[in-house]
Protein backbone atom coordinates (compact mmCIF):
# COMPACT_ATOMS: atom_id res chain seq x y z
CA MET A 1 -1.22 -4.92 26.79
CA GLN A 2 -3.07 -7.90 25.38
CA ALA A 3 -3.02 -8.54 21.66
CA SER A 4 -6.37 -7.48 20.31
CA THR A 5 -8.08 -9.17 17.42
CA PRO A 6 -8.23 -5.94 15.34
CA ALA A 7 -4.52 -5.36 15.87
CA MET A 8 -3.61 -8.86 14.79
CA SER A 9 -6.02 -8.66 11.84
CA ALA A 10 -4.27 -5.46 10.77
CA PHE A 11 -0.85 -7.02 11.18
CA ALA A 12 -1.75 -10.02 9.03
CA GLY A 13 -4.25 -8.45 6.66
CA GLY A 14 -2.64 -5.10 5.90
CA PRO A 15 0.23 -6.38 3.75
CA VAL A 16 -1.94 -8.99 2.03
CA LEU A 17 -4.59 -6.46 1.04
CA ALA A 18 -2.02 -3.85 0.01
CA LEU A 19 -0.07 -6.25 -2.18
CA GLY A 20 -3.28 -7.72 -3.59
CA LEU A 21 -4.41 -4.27 -4.68
CA MET A 22 -0.98 -3.47 -6.04
CA GLY A 23 -0.56 -6.69 -7.99
CA SER A 24 -4.00 -6.71 -9.58
CA GLY A 25 -4.17 -2.98 -10.23
CA MET A 26 -0.70 -2.42 -11.59
CA ILE A 27 -0.29 -5.59 -13.62
CA SER A 28 -3.78 -5.49 -15.15
CA ALA A 29 -3.46 -1.81 -16.10
CA ALA A 30 -0.06 -2.49 -17.65
CA ALA A 31 -1.31 -5.56 -19.53
CA ALA A 32 -4.52 -3.94 -20.80
CA GLY A 33 -3.07 -0.49 -21.30
CA ARG A 34 -6.21 0.92 -19.69
CA PHE A 35 -6.22 2.86 -16.43
CA TRP A 36 -9.82 2.02 -15.55
CA VAL A 37 -9.17 -1.72 -15.94
CA GLY A 38 -6.51 -1.54 -13.27
CA VAL A 39 -8.72 0.44 -10.89
CA LEU A 40 -11.67 -1.91 -11.36
CA LEU A 41 -9.69 -5.12 -10.92
CA ALA A 42 -7.86 -3.75 -7.90
CA LEU A 43 -11.14 -2.82 -6.22
CA LEU A 44 -12.61 -6.23 -7.02
CA THR A 45 -9.51 -7.88 -5.56
CA GLY A 46 -9.79 -5.80 -2.40
CA ALA A 47 -13.46 -6.68 -2.03
CA GLY A 48 -12.78 -10.35 -2.68
CA LEU A 49 -9.96 -10.54 -0.13
CA THR A 50 -12.12 -8.74 2.43
CA LEU A 51 -14.98 -11.20 1.93
CA PHE A 52 -12.53 -14.08 2.19
CA ALA A 53 -11.26 -12.64 5.47
CA TYR A 54 -14.83 -12.45 6.74
CA ALA A 55 -15.24 -16.11 5.85
CA LEU A 56 -12.23 -16.78 8.07
CA ALA A 57 -14.00 -15.04 10.97
CA MET A 58 -12.33 -11.64 10.71
CA PRO A 59 -14.16 -9.16 12.99
CA ALA A 60 -16.40 -6.49 11.49
CA LEU A 61 -14.60 -3.48 10.06
CA PRO A 62 -14.66 -0.58 12.54
CA HIS A 63 -14.52 1.99 9.71
CA PRO A 64 -15.90 0.53 6.44
CA LEU A 65 -15.89 3.89 4.68
CA SER A 66 -12.30 4.48 5.75
CA ILE A 67 -11.06 1.21 4.31
CA GLY A 68 -13.15 1.79 1.20
CA LEU A 69 -11.42 5.13 0.69
CA ALA A 70 -8.04 3.51 1.25
CA PHE A 71 -8.88 0.83 -1.33
CA LEU A 72 -10.00 3.43 -3.86
CA ILE A 73 -6.99 5.73 -3.55
CA ALA A 74 -4.54 2.82 -3.54
CA SER A 75 -6.23 1.29 -6.58
CA VAL A 76 -6.00 4.57 -8.48
CA SER A 77 -2.33 4.96 -7.53
CA PHE A 78 -1.34 1.44 -8.57
CA ALA A 79 -3.35 1.56 -11.79
CA ALA A 80 -1.63 4.84 -12.66
CA ARG A 81 1.77 3.17 -12.40
CA GLY A 82 0.59 0.28 -14.53
CA THR A 83 -0.71 2.70 -17.15
CA LEU A 84 2.68 4.39 -17.31
CA PHE A 85 4.43 1.04 -17.70
CA ALA A 86 2.05 0.17 -20.55
CA ARG A 87 2.86 3.37 -22.43
CA SER A 88 6.58 3.49 -21.76
CA ALA A 89 7.43 -0.20 -22.22
CA LEU A 90 5.03 -1.08 -25.02
CA GLY A 91 4.15 -4.78 -24.78
CA ARG A 92 6.46 -5.45 -21.85
CA GLY A 93 4.74 -3.18 -19.35
CA TRP A 94 3.05 -6.02 -17.52
CA LEU A 95 6.43 -7.72 -17.01
CA ILE A 96 7.95 -4.58 -15.50
CA ALA A 97 4.87 -4.24 -13.28
CA ALA A 98 5.27 -7.84 -12.12
CA PHE A 99 8.92 -7.23 -11.19
CA VAL A 100 8.00 -4.07 -9.27
CA VAL A 101 5.26 -5.89 -7.35
CA ALA A 102 7.60 -8.79 -6.57
CA GLY A 103 10.29 -6.42 -5.35
CA GLU A 104 8.01 -4.47 -3.02
CA ALA A 105 6.40 -7.70 -1.80
CA ALA A 106 9.82 -9.09 -0.91
CA ILE A 107 10.69 -5.98 1.09
CA LEU A 108 7.39 -5.95 2.98
CA ALA A 109 7.70 -9.67 3.69
CA THR A 110 11.22 -9.17 5.03
CA ALA A 111 10.08 -6.28 7.20
CA ALA A 112 7.16 -8.32 8.55
CA ALA A 113 9.30 -11.35 9.30
CA GLN A 114 12.15 -9.35 10.86
CA PRO A 115 10.85 -6.10 12.39
CA GLY A 116 13.57 -3.49 12.53
CA ALA A 117 15.76 -5.26 9.98
CA LEU A 118 15.04 -2.63 7.34
CA PRO A 119 15.40 1.12 7.92
CA ASP A 120 12.33 3.35 8.12
CA TRP A 121 13.56 5.55 5.27
CA LEU A 122 13.52 2.56 2.93
CA LEU A 123 10.02 1.40 3.84
CA VAL A 124 8.46 4.84 3.46
CA LEU A 125 9.67 4.96 -0.15
CA LEU A 126 7.30 2.12 -1.07
CA PRO A 127 3.76 2.83 -2.28
CA ALA A 128 2.84 -0.68 -1.12
CA GLN A 129 3.79 0.35 2.41
CA TRP A 130 1.68 3.51 2.11
CA ALA A 131 -1.31 1.39 1.15
CA ASN A 132 -0.50 -1.00 3.98
CA MET A 133 -0.42 1.83 6.52
CA ALA A 134 -3.74 3.26 5.28
CA ILE A 135 -5.43 -0.14 5.38
CA GLN A 136 -4.07 -0.95 8.82
CA ALA A 137 -5.33 2.36 10.17
CA SER A 138 -8.81 1.37 9.02
CA LEU A 139 -8.58 -2.18 10.34
CA THR A 140 -7.47 -1.04 13.78
CA GLY A 141 -10.18 1.62 14.01
CA ALA A 142 -7.78 4.58 13.83
CA GLY A 143 -9.66 5.92 10.81
CA THR A 144 -8.84 8.00 7.75
CA PHE A 145 -7.20 10.92 9.54
CA ALA A 146 -4.60 8.66 11.11
CA ALA A 147 -3.50 7.57 7.63
CA SER A 148 -3.69 11.03 6.05
CA ALA A 149 -0.03 11.15 5.05
CA ALA A 150 -0.15 7.73 3.40
CA LEU A 151 -3.36 8.58 1.52
CA ILE A 152 -1.95 11.92 0.39
CA ALA A 153 1.20 10.14 -0.81
CA LEU A 154 -0.83 7.59 -2.78
CA GLY A 155 -3.03 10.26 -4.35
CA GLY A 156 -0.18 12.66 -5.06
CA THR A 157 2.00 10.08 -6.76
CA ALA A 158 -1.01 8.87 -8.77
CA ALA A 159 -1.49 12.39 -10.16
CA ALA A 160 2.21 12.81 -10.91
CA THR A 161 2.41 9.39 -12.56
CA MET A 162 -0.62 10.05 -14.76
CA LEU A 163 0.97 13.35 -15.80
CA VAL A 164 3.96 11.40 -17.10
CA ALA A 165 1.69 8.90 -18.86
CA TRP A 166 -0.41 11.63 -20.49
CA LEU A 167 2.62 13.55 -21.71
CA TRP A 168 4.59 10.52 -22.85
CA PRO A 169 7.09 10.45 -24.62
CA ARG A 170 8.18 13.76 -23.13
CA ARG A 171 10.77 13.08 -20.45
CA TRP A 172 10.68 16.23 -18.31
CA PRO A 173 7.55 15.09 -16.39
CA TYR A 174 9.72 12.36 -14.85
CA ILE A 175 11.46 15.09 -12.86
CA VAL A 176 8.08 16.13 -11.48
CA MET A 177 7.12 12.55 -10.70
CA PHE A 178 10.32 11.66 -8.84
CA THR A 179 10.30 14.96 -6.96
CA VAL A 180 6.71 14.37 -5.83
CA TRP A 181 7.54 10.79 -4.85
CA LEU A 182 10.49 11.81 -2.67
CA ALA A 183 8.63 14.74 -1.11
CA LEU A 184 5.63 12.58 -0.22
CA SER A 185 7.89 9.83 1.10
CA ALA A 186 9.37 12.43 3.44
CA LEU A 187 5.84 13.40 4.49
CA VAL A 188 5.03 9.79 5.40
CA TYR A 189 8.34 9.45 7.24
CA HIS A 190 7.71 12.51 9.41
CA TRP A 191 3.95 11.99 9.79
CA PRO A 192 3.38 8.23 10.01
CA GLY A 193 0.31 8.52 12.24
CA PRO A 194 -0.19 5.81 14.89
CA LEU A 195 1.32 3.18 12.61
CA LEU A 196 5.03 2.55 12.67
CA PRO A 197 6.77 2.96 9.33
CA HIS A 198 8.60 -0.27 10.07
CA THR A 199 6.45 -3.10 8.98
CA ASP A 200 2.74 -3.08 9.04
CA LEU A 201 2.48 -1.84 12.58
CA ALA A 202 5.37 -4.24 13.18
CA ILE A 203 3.25 -6.05 15.75
CA ALA A 204 3.49 -9.69 16.70
CA ALA A 205 1.92 -11.59 19.54
CA ALA A 206 4.48 -12.82 22.04
CA PRO A 207 3.96 -16.11 23.89
CA ASN A 208 2.97 -14.22 27.03
CA GLY A 209 0.25 -12.36 25.16
CA GLN A 210 2.20 -9.11 25.06
CA ILE A 211 2.27 -7.07 21.88
CA ILE A 212 5.76 -6.50 20.54
CA SER A 213 6.36 -3.56 18.26
CA ALA A 214 9.43 -2.67 16.25
CA TYR A 215 10.51 -0.48 19.15
CA GLY A 216 9.92 -3.01 21.92
CA PRO A 217 6.97 -4.07 24.07
CA VAL A 218 3.82 -1.94 24.01
């Protein structure tokens, strides 16, 4: 099977877009202490990175509305986490957000560089990976339904996280939030769609033009 341009665009662009949304949305919401600031800046970042990719001759998006929905839900989810950090850590929320982004970026980068090196159960715990899966489904033309589990996970954890932020400093909502996070991670693990929960489709072009996935040649 020859490596298609959409597949390679998804492999390269999925993690970049996901981490761009996460970094801008979470850190800005934590720094400003405003949920809407995080959502707005994350969406602007996603749009800017997409335009930059077009400038580098990325092919037209097969499902623009699908990737727009993925951007929106991911932005809301990341901004919700930043809002919680702002309320729970006072002036240090942005620093915690930066550490979280750096940690998830390191894991996704490791998974991309060494497919199969990290277990599936670890990757599906990461909201950045959920966003990556949803974005890749749109870039490859699979559409919104293919990324349903990832989108549900992003939206569900956003709601649970905002519940904690709204009810802060009560601590019992944390039980709800962590329960929702683990349950939705299990959903993504068992219903990954066409995308492998390894890394970002875990696809790389081999010298002979064959596509190599985390589970071997496709």
